[in-house]
Amino acid sequence: MKKVYMLTIGQSPRSDVAPMVEKILGPEFDLVQAGALDELTYEEVQEQLAPKEGVGNEYTLVSRMRDGRAVQMDRSKVEPLIQKKINEAENKGYSLIWLLCTGEFNNLKTTNSVFLEPDKIIPQVVKLVIADRKLGVVVPLPEQIKEMDGKFHKAGLNPVYIDASPYTGTKEHFAAVGQALKSKVDYILMDCMGYNEKWQRIVAENSGKPTILSNVLMAKLTSEFV
């Protein structure tokens, strides 16, 4: 059986995302899950990794605890924990590691394993498909809009951004997102691994635009590289 090591920057298992991924990968794949925060409690994450007001955090990431609670983290603080899990996966012999996060990372690396980083893949793939058509990008937090902009500009994209949390958002909020983007874009990318088919459907119905889930796109690509 083919093995895919799916590494979330939050806690595993990702019961909100994994069933959708497993459906795409199919029965011939064994989805192995791990999380950078697996050994930490919610309180420890808040104390050790959360962005601190007034400290000048370089980059905010958002993910999910095992019990469904959302957490925000400073990238510089959580990155060593992610690298530790990558090292463990390589030591266990996994040949492909998929990072379940669309945020930008500059220091993560593998020695032998194929390492799929969505931030380096998704913008390029989307640009190749939509060419010069206008893209709308949905991100979890308003403060992430500026942070996410760099990776899309590198791919030659100039998106319209809007925020909606996959973890705390409501049906009404996502409907409003679709309505807001309806007359402004040709395609919509939901750029967080926490978005699911429910949120995608609401945005698509209210915008009338093709709406792309980053996690589905990555799952389909991953299935071709194992």
Protein backbone atom coordinates (compact mmCIF):
# COMPACT_ATOMS: atom_id res chain seq x y z
CA MET A 1 0.00 0.00 0.00
CA LYS A 2 1.25 3.50 -0.88
CA LYS A 3 1.91 5.71 2.15
CA VAL A 4 1.37 9.46 2.37
CA TYR A 5 2.66 11.27 5.47
CA MET A 6 0.36 14.25 6.02
CA LEU A 7 1.84 16.75 8.46
CA THR A 8 -0.42 19.42 9.92
CA ILE A 9 1.02 22.44 11.72
CA GLY A 10 -1.70 21.87 14.33
CA GLN A 11 -2.69 18.58 15.96
CA SER A 12 -3.51 15.27 14.37
CA PRO A 13 -5.70 13.56 13.47
CA ARG A 14 -7.39 16.14 11.23
CA SER A 15 -10.90 14.72 11.37
CA ASP A 16 -12.17 17.80 9.53
CA VAL A 17 -9.97 17.28 6.46
CA ALA A 18 -8.73 13.67 6.40
CA PRO A 19 -11.98 12.00 5.21
CA MET A 20 -12.09 14.29 2.17
CA VAL A 21 -8.41 13.63 1.43
CA GLU A 22 -8.80 9.86 1.85
CA LYS A 23 -11.72 9.87 -0.58
CA ILE A 24 -9.57 11.58 -3.21
CA LEU A 25 -6.50 9.41 -2.64
CA GLY A 26 -8.48 6.18 -2.79
CA PRO A 27 -8.16 2.80 -1.04
CA GLU A 28 -4.66 2.09 -2.37
CA PHE A 29 -3.23 4.87 -0.18
CA ASP A 30 -2.49 4.76 3.54
CA LEU A 31 -2.80 8.30 4.94
CA VAL A 32 -0.51 8.64 7.96
CA GLN A 33 -1.19 11.76 10.02
CA ALA A 34 1.06 13.72 12.36
CA GLY A 35 0.97 17.20 13.85
CA ALA A 36 3.55 19.71 14.98
CA LEU A 37 1.51 20.33 18.14
CA ASP A 38 0.69 16.71 18.97
CA GLU A 39 2.67 16.74 22.22
CA LEU A 40 1.35 20.10 23.44
CA THR A 41 -1.80 21.13 25.28
CA TYR A 42 -3.95 24.05 24.17
CA GLU A 43 -2.63 26.08 27.10
CA GLU A 44 0.99 25.32 26.19
CA VAL A 45 0.38 26.42 22.60
CA GLN A 46 -1.13 29.68 23.84
CA GLU A 47 1.77 30.30 26.17
CA GLN A 48 4.68 29.17 23.99
CA LEU A 49 3.65 29.72 20.37
CA ALA A 50 0.91 32.34 20.13
CA PRO A 51 1.75 35.74 18.61
CA LYS A 52 2.38 38.30 21.33
CA GLU A 53 0.82 41.72 20.97
CA GLY A 54 3.38 44.46 20.45
CA VAL A 55 6.28 42.07 19.92
CA GLY A 56 6.34 42.50 16.13
CA ASN A 57 5.52 38.97 15.01
CA GLU A 58 6.83 38.27 11.54
CA TYR A 59 4.12 35.90 10.33
CA THR A 60 0.92 34.50 11.86
CA LEU A 61 -0.28 30.96 11.16
CA VAL A 62 -3.61 29.42 12.11
CA SER A 63 -4.48 25.76 12.62
CA ARG A 64 -6.62 23.41 14.65
CA MET A 65 -6.26 21.40 17.82
CA ARG A 66 -7.48 17.83 18.07
CA ASP A 67 -10.65 18.95 19.85
CA GLY A 68 -11.50 21.45 17.11
CA ARG A 69 -10.31 24.63 18.81
CA ALA A 70 -8.50 27.09 16.54
CA VAL A 71 -5.02 28.31 17.47
CA GLN A 72 -2.81 31.09 16.15
CA MET A 73 0.97 30.71 16.10
CA ASP A 74 4.02 32.77 15.32
CA ARG A 75 5.76 31.06 12.40
CA SER A 76 9.24 31.47 13.87
CA LYS A 77 8.12 29.65 17.03
CA VAL A 78 6.35 26.69 15.42
CA GLU A 79 8.76 26.11 12.54
CA PRO A 80 11.27 24.09 14.65
CA LEU A 81 8.44 21.79 15.76
CA ILE A 82 7.43 21.22 12.14
CA GLN A 83 11.02 20.43 11.18
CA LYS A 84 11.25 17.97 14.07
CA LYS A 85 8.25 16.06 12.70
CA ILE A 86 9.76 16.09 9.21
CA ASN A 87 12.96 14.58 10.59
CA GLU A 88 10.97 11.89 12.43
CA ALA A 89 9.07 11.02 9.25
CA GLU A 90 12.30 10.64 7.29
CA ASN A 91 13.82 8.49 10.02
CA LYS A 92 10.77 6.23 9.77
CA GLY A 93 11.29 5.84 6.04
CA TYR A 94 8.42 7.87 4.58
CA SER A 95 9.28 8.79 1.00
CA LEU A 96 6.68 11.56 0.62
CA ILE A 97 5.76 14.23 3.16
CA TRP A 98 2.85 16.58 2.53
CA LEU A 99 2.76 19.73 4.64
CA LEU A 100 -0.87 20.50 5.44
CA CYS A 101 -0.47 24.28 5.46
CA THR A 102 -0.57 26.95 2.77
CA GLY A 103 1.59 29.42 4.70
CA GLU A 104 5.07 30.32 3.47
CA PHE A 105 8.11 28.61 4.98
CA ASN A 106 11.72 29.27 4.00
CA ASN A 107 13.69 26.96 6.28
CA LEU A 108 11.93 23.58 6.17
CA LYS A 109 13.81 20.81 4.40
CA THR A 110 14.10 17.09 3.84
CA THR A 111 17.18 14.98 3.17
CA ASN A 112 15.73 12.27 0.92
CA SER A 113 11.94 12.44 1.04
CA VAL A 114 9.83 14.28 -1.51
CA PHE A 115 8.48 17.32 0.35
CA LEU A 116 5.27 18.88 -0.94
CA GLU A 117 4.92 22.50 0.22
CA PRO A 118 1.60 24.02 -0.89
CA ASP A 119 2.90 27.61 -0.82
CA LYS A 120 5.40 26.74 -3.56
CA ILE A 121 2.95 24.69 -5.64
CA ILE A 122 -0.57 26.12 -5.53
CA PRO A 123 0.05 29.69 -6.78
CA GLN A 124 2.03 28.38 -9.75
CA VAL A 125 -0.59 25.77 -10.68
CA VAL A 126 -3.45 28.27 -10.38
CA LYS A 127 -1.60 30.82 -12.52
CA LEU A 128 -1.00 28.25 -15.26
CA VAL A 129 -4.72 27.42 -15.36
CA ILE A 130 -6.38 30.84 -15.05
CA ALA A 131 -3.73 32.87 -16.93
CA ASP A 132 -4.74 36.55 -16.77
CA ARG A 133 -8.19 36.03 -15.32
CA LYS A 134 -8.91 37.61 -11.94
CA LEU A 135 -8.45 35.51 -8.81
CA GLY A 136 -10.13 35.89 -5.45
CA VAL A 137 -8.32 34.40 -2.46
CA VAL A 138 -10.00 33.52 0.85
CA VAL A 139 -7.69 33.38 3.89
CA PRO A 140 -8.53 32.67 7.55
CA LEU A 141 -7.42 35.94 9.19
CA PRO A 142 -7.36 39.58 8.02
CA GLU A 143 -3.77 39.94 9.22
CA GLN A 144 -2.75 37.12 6.88
CA ILE A 145 -3.68 39.03 3.74
CA LYS A 146 -0.42 40.98 3.63
CA GLU A 147 1.57 37.89 4.62
CA MET A 148 0.07 35.72 1.87
CA ASP A 149 0.47 38.32 -0.87
CA GLY A 150 4.14 37.58 -1.58
CA LYS A 151 3.69 34.02 -2.82
CA PHE A 152 0.96 35.03 -5.26
CA HIS A 153 2.92 37.98 -6.62
CA LYS A 154 5.85 35.64 -7.28
CA ALA A 155 3.52 33.58 -9.45
CA GLY A 156 2.36 36.65 -11.37
CA LEU A 157 -1.01 36.92 -9.64
CA ASN A 158 -2.64 39.99 -8.11
CA PRO A 159 -5.61 38.57 -6.18
CA VAL A 160 -8.56 40.17 -4.45
CA TYR A 161 -8.38 39.03 -0.81
CA ILE A 162 -11.07 38.41 1.77
CA ASP A 163 -10.97 36.65 5.14
CA ALA A 164 -13.14 33.92 6.66
CA SER A 165 -11.98 31.44 9.27
CA PRO A 166 -12.55 27.76 8.46
CA TYR A 167 -12.64 27.04 12.20
CA THR A 168 -14.85 29.81 13.61
CA GLY A 169 -16.67 31.09 10.52
CA THR A 170 -20.42 30.74 9.96
CA LYS A 171 -22.64 29.90 7.01
CA GLU A 172 -23.67 33.55 6.83
CA HIS A 173 -20.06 34.71 6.81
CA PHE A 174 -19.10 32.43 3.93
CA ALA A 175 -22.23 33.41 2.01
CA ALA A 176 -21.17 37.05 2.40
CA VAL A 177 -17.69 36.15 1.12
CA GLY A 178 -19.21 34.69 -2.04
CA GLN A 179 -21.42 37.72 -2.55
CA ALA A 180 -18.51 40.11 -2.01
CA LEU A 181 -16.37 38.38 -4.65
CA LYS A 182 -19.16 37.78 -7.16
CA SER A 183 -18.56 40.82 -9.36
CA LYS A 184 -14.82 41.14 -8.74
CA VAL A 185 -13.22 37.83 -9.76
CA ASP A 186 -13.38 34.96 -12.24
CA TYR A 187 -12.05 32.22 -9.93
CA ILE A 188 -11.85 31.79 -6.15
CA LEU A 189 -9.13 29.96 -4.22
CA MET A 190 -9.81 28.99 -0.60
CA ASP A 191 -6.23 29.17 0.60
CA CYS A 192 -6.13 27.26 3.86
CA MET A 193 -6.00 23.52 4.45
CA GLY A 194 -8.85 23.85 6.96
CA TYR A 195 -11.53 24.82 4.45
CA ASN A 196 -13.93 21.99 3.60
CA GLU A 197 -16.50 21.13 0.97
CA LYS A 198 -19.30 22.75 2.98
CA TRP A 199 -17.59 26.16 2.94
CA GLN A 200 -16.60 25.69 -0.70
CA ARG A 201 -20.19 24.97 -1.71
CA ILE A 202 -21.54 28.05 0.08
CA VAL A 203 -18.95 30.35 -1.49
CA ALA A 204 -19.48 28.87 -4.96
CA GLU A 205 -23.28 29.11 -4.74
CA ASN A 206 -23.18 32.74 -3.63
CA SER A 207 -20.50 33.87 -6.07
CA GLY A 208 -21.38 31.79 -9.11
CA LYS A 209 -17.64 31.31 -9.66
CA PRO A 210 -15.46 28.17 -9.82
CA THR A 211 -14.15 27.75 -6.27
CA ILE A 212 -10.96 25.81 -5.59
CA LEU A 213 -10.08 24.08 -2.32
CA SER A 214 -6.33 24.09 -1.68
CA ASN A 215 -6.46 20.79 0.20
CA VAL A 216 -8.32 19.02 -2.61
CA LEU A 217 -5.89 20.36 -5.20
CA MET A 218 -2.93 19.16 -3.14
CA ALA A 219 -4.51 15.75 -2.50
CA LYS A 220 -4.96 15.20 -6.23
CA LEU A 221 -1.37 16.23 -6.93
CA THR A 222 -0.06 14.12 -4.07
CA SER A 223 -1.73 11.00 -5.44
CA GLU A 224 0.38 11.32 -8.60
CA PHE A 225 3.73 11.51 -6.79
CA VAL A 226 3.63 8.35 -4.68
